[in-house]
């Protein structure tokens, strides 16, 4: 694959250096993640109602051999193929990316960590849970970003380590607001009433218990109706919004619990957020935009080679995933610039209703210009080499003098 790529880009003379790098090369991956966050902020600055929305989730890339570094066994409950085994070997990646508000919203990944099962930990690695990896990436992105984060994730991550790690900030760290799915049997409490004088005993921590989300008909709040763009079309919804306390976030953090009936959905939605100033329509729109991350995982696997990685050892596996992830972000940033210049792509005859460019369109565009990119990289390399040669010559003249 390396030889084919170098021949296609007219860079066969660099084969030896590329082959050595493919076997042993590495770089500072944390620094790349931070710089990617800064790049997104420069190219497409986002301040959506005072927040920078980010999506957190995990995905798996299947590995064929147990000898591949970092693969663990997982049970495949919803297999895409009837011939695939129920127990599979895979790399489990926890990924964080920006959600760019637009029509539609865009997903730009920038951070990723590989997760290992504790019983299948590679030699020399420290066990860390998915939740610990997630809060580490959120804190890292928040430290770099100029805008406060709004962390959006599914119900599987709506636990005390993630929610508490976001809301309970330490030192100079900012509070990260959360928006997530609420369990239908979640424990909700009324705000604690003012303490009465003369009362003895330990002070109360929680207010009165409120009906669970599945019993939202009993919430003593009025129905609210509206319209919002969800999954590419405008849909009507009606909701009940309850200002309360949530057992997961703690008694000190006010939250808004929402029960929603959305047009086109057969089941009710239950959401919870600590960003209580956002309207219901904004919260529904932002949570629905989280599924753009699932579209990004699909593109990463099918179009950018996530499931075709042929690496076996640690560094090639980690850097390949990061290169693919950053490539997706760079392609989208190129698209944003091209969109400013005007129409640069055409819908195909078999898909005339297509309204937006895909990762495949961007990949084809870059591939057509591969020789120009190759010549630019070659010229840059020659300029750097000439600069270093001049510096060496100057040092030699100074030593001779």
Protein backbone atom coordinates (compact mmCIF):
# COMPACT_ATOMS: atom_id res chain seq x y z
CA UNK A 1 0.00 0.00 0.00
CA UNK A 2 2.89 2.37 0.78
CA UNK A 3 4.49 1.72 -2.60
CA UNK A 4 1.21 2.25 -4.43
CA UNK A 5 0.59 5.54 -2.62
CA UNK A 6 4.07 6.90 -3.34
CA UNK A 7 3.88 5.94 -7.01
CA UNK A 8 0.45 7.58 -7.36
CA UNK A 9 1.76 10.82 -5.83
CA UNK A 10 4.98 10.79 -7.89
CA UNK A 11 7.13 10.44 -4.74
CA UNK A 12 8.93 7.14 -5.39
CA UNK A 13 12.30 8.71 -4.47
CA UNK A 14 11.07 9.04 -0.85
CA UNK A 15 10.25 5.36 -0.46
CA UNK A 16 13.17 4.52 1.83
CA UNK A 17 12.46 7.31 4.33
CA UNK A 18 8.72 6.59 4.30
CA UNK A 19 9.30 2.88 4.84
CA UNK A 20 11.51 3.53 7.89
CA UNK A 21 8.97 5.95 9.30
CA UNK A 22 6.12 3.48 8.73
CA UNK A 23 7.94 0.94 10.87
CA UNK A 24 9.25 3.04 13.76
CA UNK A 25 8.08 6.65 13.41
CA UNK A 26 6.02 8.48 16.04
CA UNK A 27 5.11 12.01 17.16
CA UNK A 28 3.51 13.85 20.06
CA UNK A 29 -0.13 12.85 19.61
CA UNK A 30 -1.40 15.08 22.43
CA UNK A 31 0.19 18.13 20.80
CA UNK A 32 -1.47 17.22 17.49
CA UNK A 33 -4.87 16.97 19.21
CA UNK A 34 -4.47 20.36 20.85
CA UNK A 35 -3.33 22.00 17.62
CA UNK A 36 -6.30 20.47 15.78
CA UNK A 37 -8.66 22.07 18.33
CA UNK A 38 -6.95 25.43 17.77
CA UNK A 39 -7.13 24.99 13.99
CA UNK A 40 -10.88 24.32 14.10
CA UNK A 41 -11.33 27.39 16.28
CA UNK A 42 -9.38 29.57 13.83
CA UNK A 43 -11.00 28.25 10.67
CA UNK A 44 -14.56 27.83 11.91
CA UNK A 45 -15.04 29.70 15.22
CA UNK A 46 -18.16 28.56 17.03
CA UNK A 47 -20.03 30.31 19.83
CA UNK A 48 -23.42 28.63 19.75
CA UNK A 49 -25.50 30.47 22.38
CA UNK A 50 -22.30 30.95 24.38
CA UNK A 51 -21.00 27.37 24.04
CA UNK A 52 -18.79 25.21 21.86
CA UNK A 53 -20.75 21.93 21.32
CA UNK A 54 -18.64 18.76 21.38
CA UNK A 55 -19.72 15.12 21.01
CA UNK A 56 -18.24 12.19 22.96
CA UNK A 57 -18.77 8.54 22.04
CA UNK A 58 -16.91 5.30 21.41
CA UNK A 59 -16.63 3.08 18.34
CA UNK A 60 -14.94 -0.19 17.40
CA UNK A 61 -12.65 -1.12 14.53
CA UNK A 62 -12.42 -4.87 14.01
CA UNK A 63 -9.07 -6.65 14.14
CA UNK A 64 -8.52 -10.07 12.60
CA UNK A 65 -5.83 -11.47 14.88
CA UNK A 66 -5.28 -11.59 18.61
CA UNK A 67 -1.59 -10.87 17.94
CA UNK A 68 -2.45 -7.31 16.87
CA UNK A 69 -1.55 -4.86 19.63
CA UNK A 70 -4.48 -3.50 21.63
CA UNK A 71 -7.31 -5.71 20.33
CA UNK A 72 -9.82 -6.95 22.90
CA UNK A 73 -12.80 -9.28 22.63
CA UNK A 74 -16.28 -7.78 22.56
CA UNK A 75 -19.74 -9.19 22.14
CA UNK A 76 -21.35 -8.04 18.89
CA UNK A 77 -25.05 -7.71 19.66
CA UNK A 78 -26.16 -6.07 16.40
CA UNK A 79 -23.91 -7.62 13.79
CA UNK A 80 -24.10 -6.14 10.30
CA UNK A 81 -23.48 -9.56 8.76
CA UNK A 82 -25.19 -12.84 9.67
CA UNK A 83 -21.89 -14.61 9.02
CA UNK A 84 -19.92 -12.54 11.52
CA UNK A 85 -19.15 -14.12 14.87
CA UNK A 86 -20.89 -12.83 17.97
CA UNK A 87 -17.55 -12.52 19.80
CA UNK A 88 -15.18 -10.28 17.82
CA UNK A 89 -11.70 -8.82 18.30
CA UNK A 90 -11.57 -5.07 17.93
CA UNK A 91 -9.90 -1.83 18.92
CA UNK A 92 -12.29 0.22 21.03
CA UNK A 93 -11.76 3.96 20.46
CA UNK A 94 -13.18 6.77 22.59
CA UNK A 95 -13.50 9.82 20.32
CA UNK A 96 -14.22 13.51 20.91
CA UNK A 97 -15.10 15.97 18.16
CA UNK A 98 -16.64 19.38 17.53
CA UNK A 99 -20.22 19.82 16.33
CA UNK A 100 -20.42 22.82 14.00
CA UNK A 101 -23.90 24.41 13.89
CA UNK A 102 -25.16 24.75 10.33
CA UNK A 103 -27.78 23.25 8.00
CA UNK A 104 -26.87 20.45 8.48
CA UNK A 105 -24.53 20.40 11.47
CA UNK A 106 -20.99 19.20 10.79
CA UNK A 107 -18.77 16.87 12.82
CA UNK A 108 -14.99 17.50 13.10
CA UNK A 109 -13.09 14.94 15.25
CA UNK A 110 -9.90 15.98 17.01
CA UNK A 111 -9.16 13.64 19.96
CA UNK A 112 -9.15 9.87 20.41
CA UNK A 113 -8.01 7.25 22.94
CA UNK A 114 -7.91 3.48 22.65
CA UNK A 115 -9.59 1.55 25.47
CA UNK A 116 -8.48 -1.88 26.75
CA UNK A 117 -10.40 -4.37 28.82
CA UNK A 118 -8.72 -4.83 32.18
CA UNK A 119 -8.25 -8.57 31.68
CA UNK A 120 -6.73 -8.07 28.20
CA UNK A 121 -4.41 -5.16 28.93
CA UNK A 122 -1.28 -5.06 26.72
CA UNK A 123 2.04 -5.29 28.51
CA UNK A 124 3.23 -1.97 29.86
CA UNK A 125 -0.16 -0.21 29.59
CA UNK A 126 -2.18 1.24 32.47
CA UNK A 127 -5.85 0.35 32.76
CA UNK A 128 -8.23 3.28 32.44
CA UNK A 129 -11.98 3.19 32.00
CA UNK A 130 -13.80 4.75 29.04
CA UNK A 131 -15.19 7.38 31.38
CA UNK A 132 -11.72 8.39 32.58
CA UNK A 133 -10.51 8.66 29.00
CA UNK A 134 -13.56 10.72 28.08
CA UNK A 135 -13.19 13.26 30.88
CA UNK A 136 -9.45 13.56 30.10
CA UNK A 137 -10.20 14.52 26.49
CA UNK A 138 -12.94 16.94 27.53
CA UNK A 139 -10.66 18.70 30.00
CA UNK A 140 -7.86 18.84 27.43
CA UNK A 141 -10.13 20.42 24.80
CA UNK A 142 -11.59 22.87 27.31
CA UNK A 143 -8.11 24.03 28.33
CA UNK A 144 -7.30 24.90 24.70
CA UNK A 145 -10.68 26.34 23.64
CA UNK A 146 -11.51 30.01 24.14
CA UNK A 147 -15.24 29.17 24.36
CA UNK A 148 -16.80 27.08 27.18
CA UNK A 149 -17.73 23.55 26.12
CA UNK A 150 -21.15 21.93 25.98
CA UNK A 151 -20.51 18.18 26.19
CA UNK A 152 -23.15 16.09 24.37
CA UNK A 153 -23.17 12.32 24.82
CA UNK A 154 -25.55 9.38 24.97
CA UNK A 155 -27.02 7.73 28.05
CA UNK A 156 -24.21 5.16 28.34
CA UNK A 157 -21.86 7.97 29.40
CA UNK A 158 -24.40 9.72 31.66
CA UNK A 159 -22.69 8.53 34.85
CA UNK A 160 -21.12 10.24 37.86
CA UNK A 161 -17.49 10.06 36.60
CA UNK A 162 -18.31 11.95 33.38
CA UNK A 163 -21.04 14.27 34.65
CA UNK A 164 -19.25 14.97 37.93
CA UNK A 165 -15.93 15.49 36.14
CA UNK A 166 -17.55 18.10 33.89
CA UNK A 167 -19.51 20.01 36.52
CA UNK A 168 -17.06 19.85 39.44
CA UNK A 169 -14.13 21.87 38.13
CA UNK A 170 -10.90 22.35 40.07
CA UNK A 171 -8.43 25.23 40.12
CA UNK A 172 -8.42 27.30 36.94
CA UNK A 173 -10.46 24.74 34.99
CA UNK A 174 -13.88 25.86 33.74
CA UNK A 175 -17.17 24.15 34.34
CA UNK A 176 -18.22 22.04 31.33
CA UNK A 177 -21.98 21.95 30.80
CA UNK A 178 -23.57 18.63 29.79
CA UNK A 179 -26.48 17.53 27.61
CA UNK A 180 -27.36 13.85 27.60
CA UNK A 181 -30.13 11.29 27.51
CA UNK A 182 -31.99 10.68 30.75
CA UNK A 183 -32.95 7.22 31.96
CA UNK A 184 -36.69 6.71 32.20
CA UNK A 185 -36.30 5.62 35.85
CA UNK A 186 -33.86 8.40 36.82
CA UNK A 187 -34.09 9.81 40.33
CA UNK A 188 -35.17 13.45 40.29
CA UNK A 189 -35.61 15.71 43.30
CA UNK A 190 -37.15 19.09 43.99
CA UNK A 191 -34.84 21.95 45.03
CA UNK A 192 -34.08 21.89 48.73
CA UNK A 193 -36.42 24.22 50.66
CA UNK A 194 -35.10 26.91 52.96
CA UNK A 195 -34.07 25.49 56.36
CA UNK A 196 -36.46 26.19 59.23
CA UNK A 197 -35.28 27.63 62.52
CA UNK A 198 -35.09 25.41 65.55
CA UNK A 199 -34.95 22.18 63.55
CA UNK A 200 -32.64 19.58 65.07
CA UNK A 201 -30.73 16.76 63.40
CA UNK A 202 -28.60 16.46 60.30
CA UNK A 203 -29.50 18.99 57.54
CA UNK A 204 -31.23 17.62 54.49
CA UNK A 205 -29.24 17.11 51.30
CA UNK A 206 -32.10 16.51 48.83
CA UNK A 207 -35.56 17.93 48.38
CA UNK A 208 -38.72 15.89 47.89
CA UNK A 209 -38.60 13.03 45.39
CA UNK A 210 -40.25 13.88 42.06
CA UNK A 211 -41.91 11.49 39.57
CA UNK A 212 -39.48 9.67 37.29
CA UNK A 213 -39.27 10.63 33.58
CA UNK A 214 -41.46 7.66 32.61
CA UNK A 215 -44.21 9.29 34.71
CA UNK A 216 -43.76 12.71 33.12
CA UNK A 217 -47.54 13.11 32.88
CA UNK A 218 -47.45 13.70 36.66
CA UNK A 219 -44.95 16.57 36.42
CA UNK A 220 -46.62 19.73 37.64
CA UNK A 221 -45.51 21.84 34.65
CA UNK A 222 -47.29 23.02 31.53
CA UNK A 223 -46.85 21.54 28.06
CA UNK A 224 -44.69 23.45 25.61
CA UNK A 225 -44.99 23.18 21.82
CA UNK A 226 -42.66 24.22 19.04
CA UNK A 227 -40.76 23.34 15.87
CA UNK A 228 -37.15 22.35 15.40
CA UNK A 229 -34.92 20.96 12.65
CA UNK A 230 -34.23 17.32 13.53
CA UNK A 231 -32.50 14.83 11.21
CA UNK A 232 -32.66 17.12 8.21
CA UNK A 233 -36.27 18.26 8.38
CA UNK A 234 -38.46 20.54 10.46
CA UNK A 235 -40.50 18.59 13.00
CA UNK A 236 -43.07 19.62 15.56
CA UNK A 237 -42.64 18.64 19.18
CA UNK A 238 -44.29 19.10 22.53
CA UNK A 239 -42.47 18.84 25.80
CA UNK A 240 -42.55 19.18 29.56
CA UNK A 241 -39.56 20.80 31.21
CA UNK A 242 -38.85 20.28 34.89
CA UNK A 243 -36.29 22.31 36.84
CA UNK A 244 -34.93 19.95 39.46
CA UNK A 245 -31.92 18.13 40.88
CA UNK A 246 -30.52 14.89 39.41
CA UNK A 247 -29.05 12.06 41.47
CA UNK A 248 -26.12 11.69 39.04
CA UNK A 249 -25.08 15.36 38.97
CA UNK A 250 -25.57 15.91 42.70
CA UNK A 251 -27.69 18.10 44.92
CA UNK A 252 -25.61 21.23 44.28
CA UNK A 253 -26.18 21.43 40.52
CA UNK A 254 -29.55 22.57 39.12
CA UNK A 255 -30.58 20.75 35.94
CA UNK A 256 -33.45 20.79 33.47
CA UNK A 257 -35.15 17.46 32.77
CA UNK A 258 -37.14 17.24 29.52
CA UNK A 259 -39.76 14.79 28.34
CA UNK A 260 -40.41 15.21 24.61
CA UNK A 261 -42.83 13.86 22.07
CA UNK A 262 -41.21 14.51 18.67
CA UNK A 263 -43.01 14.16 15.35
CA UNK A 264 -41.94 10.99 13.57
CA UNK A 265 -40.67 9.27 16.72
CA UNK A 266 -42.72 6.44 18.22
CA UNK A 267 -41.09 6.79 21.65
CA UNK A 268 -40.71 9.71 24.01
CA UNK A 269 -37.34 11.41 24.40
CA UNK A 270 -35.92 12.06 27.86
CA UNK A 271 -33.09 14.58 28.07
CA UNK A 272 -31.26 16.34 30.89
CA UNK A 273 -28.93 19.32 30.81
CA UNK A 274 -27.01 21.55 33.18
CA UNK A 275 -27.20 24.43 30.66
CA UNK A 276 -30.57 25.51 32.02
CA UNK A 277 -30.60 28.84 30.13
CA UNK A 278 -30.88 27.13 26.71
CA UNK A 279 -34.38 26.83 25.25
CA UNK A 280 -36.05 23.48 24.68
CA UNK A 281 -35.80 23.85 20.90
CA UNK A 282 -32.04 24.50 21.15
CA UNK A 283 -31.53 21.44 23.35
CA UNK A 284 -33.48 19.16 21.01
CA UNK A 285 -31.57 20.45 17.99
CA UNK A 286 -28.18 20.00 19.67
CA UNK A 287 -28.87 16.49 20.92
CA UNK A 288 -30.17 15.40 17.52
CA UNK A 289 -26.94 16.81 16.00
CA UNK A 290 -25.00 14.30 18.10
CA UNK A 291 -25.87 11.67 15.49
CA UNK A 292 -23.59 13.49 13.07
CA UNK A 293 -20.81 11.80 15.03
CA UNK A 294 -22.27 8.42 14.06
CA UNK A 295 -22.14 9.55 10.42
CA UNK A 296 -18.51 10.50 10.99
CA UNK A 297 -17.73 7.02 12.33
CA UNK A 298 -19.30 5.55 9.19
CA UNK A 299 -17.16 7.75 6.92
CA UNK A 300 -14.07 6.99 9.00
CA UNK A 301 -14.61 3.25 8.56
CA UNK A 302 -15.80 3.09 4.97
CA UNK A 303 -13.98 5.96 3.25
CA UNK A 304 -10.85 6.74 5.31
CA UNK A 305 -9.64 3.20 6.02
CA UNK A 306 -10.39 2.72 9.72
CA UNK A 307 -11.35 -0.93 9.17
CA UNK A 308 -8.56 -1.52 6.64
CA UNK A 309 -5.61 -0.71 8.91
CA UNK A 310 -2.80 -3.24 8.39
CA UNK A 311 -0.70 -2.15 11.37
CA UNK A 312 0.25 -4.72 14.02
CA UNK A 313 2.29 -2.81 16.59
CA UNK A 314 1.49 0.04 18.96
CA UNK A 315 2.81 3.21 17.29
CA UNK A 316 1.54 2.46 13.75
CA UNK A 317 -1.93 1.64 15.13
CA UNK A 318 -2.17 4.83 17.22
CA UNK A 319 -0.77 7.18 14.61
CA UNK A 320 -2.80 5.68 11.74
CA UNK A 321 -6.06 6.30 13.60
CA UNK A 322 -5.02 9.87 14.40
CA UNK A 323 -3.99 10.59 10.80
CA UNK A 324 -7.34 9.33 9.51
CA UNK A 325 -9.22 11.36 12.13
CA UNK A 326 -7.30 14.58 11.38
CA UNK A 327 -7.70 13.94 7.64
CA UNK A 328 -11.48 13.98 8.05
CA UNK A 329 -11.30 17.31 9.86
CA UNK A 330 -8.95 18.81 7.26
CA UNK A 331 -11.23 17.68 4.43
CA UNK A 332 -14.20 19.40 6.07
CA UNK A 333 -12.20 22.58 6.60
CA UNK A 334 -11.23 22.52 2.92
CA UNK A 335 -14.92 22.14 2.10
CA UNK A 336 -15.82 25.22 4.18
CA UNK A 337 -13.30 27.31 2.21
CA UNK A 338 -14.47 25.94 -1.13
CA UNK A 339 -18.10 26.66 -0.27
CA UNK A 340 -17.20 30.33 0.12
CA UNK A 341 -15.77 30.40 -3.42
CA UNK A 342 -18.90 28.92 -4.94
CA UNK A 343 -20.27 25.62 -6.28
CA UNK A 344 -17.40 23.17 -6.71
CA UNK A 345 -19.21 19.81 -6.89
CA UNK A 346 -22.21 18.43 -8.77
CA UNK A 347 -24.87 15.99 -7.71
CA UNK A 348 -24.77 12.68 -9.57
CA UNK A 349 -27.58 11.57 -11.92
CA UNK A 350 -28.49 8.69 -9.58
CA UNK A 351 -28.73 11.04 -6.56
CA UNK A 352 -30.14 14.34 -7.89
CA UNK A 353 -31.60 15.39 -4.52
CA UNK A 354 -28.15 15.46 -2.88
CA UNK A 355 -27.70 18.89 -1.27
CA UNK A 356 -24.28 18.78 0.40
CA UNK A 357 -20.83 17.49 -0.44
CA UNK A 358 -19.74 14.26 1.21
CA UNK A 359 -16.35 13.02 2.41
CA UNK A 360 -16.19 10.95 -0.78
CA UNK A 361 -16.56 14.10 -2.92
CA UNK A 362 -13.76 15.77 -0.99
CA UNK A 363 -11.52 12.71 -1.21
CA UNK A 364 -12.01 12.56 -4.99
CA UNK A 365 -11.18 16.26 -5.30
CA UNK A 366 -7.93 15.87 -3.35
CA UNK A 367 -7.01 12.72 -5.26
CA UNK A 368 -7.30 14.57 -8.57
CA UNK A 369 -4.76 17.10 -7.31
CA UNK A 370 -2.40 14.54 -5.78
CA UNK A 371 0.53 15.39 -8.08
CA UNK A 372 0.28 19.08 -7.27
CA UNK A 373 0.25 18.29 -3.54
CA UNK A 374 3.25 16.01 -4.04
CA UNK A 375 5.23 18.70 -5.86
CA UNK A 376 4.37 21.23 -3.16
CA UNK A 377 5.59 18.87 -0.43
CA UNK A 378 8.77 18.17 -2.43
CA UNK A 379 9.49 21.86 -2.84
CA UNK A 380 8.86 22.47 0.88
CA UNK A 381 11.21 19.61 1.76
CA UNK A 382 13.91 21.02 -0.57
CA UNK A 383 13.53 24.49 0.95
CA UNK A 384 13.91 23.10 4.46
CA UNK A 385 16.94 21.07 3.39
CA UNK A 386 18.57 24.13 1.80
CA UNK A 387 17.90 26.16 4.94
CA UNK A 388 19.51 23.50 7.15
CA UNK A 389 22.51 23.25 4.79
CA UNK A 390 23.01 27.02 5.00
CA UNK A 391 22.86 26.91 8.77
CA UNK A 392 25.43 24.11 8.88
CA UNK A 393 27.73 26.05 6.54
CA UNK A 394 27.42 29.17 8.71
CA UNK A 395 28.26 27.16 11.85
CA UNK A 396 31.32 25.72 10.13
CA UNK A 397 32.51 29.23 9.09
CA UNK A 398 32.07 30.47 12.67
CA UNK A 399 34.07 27.54 14.05
CA UNK A 400 36.80 28.10 11.45
CA UNK A 401 37.01 31.79 12.36
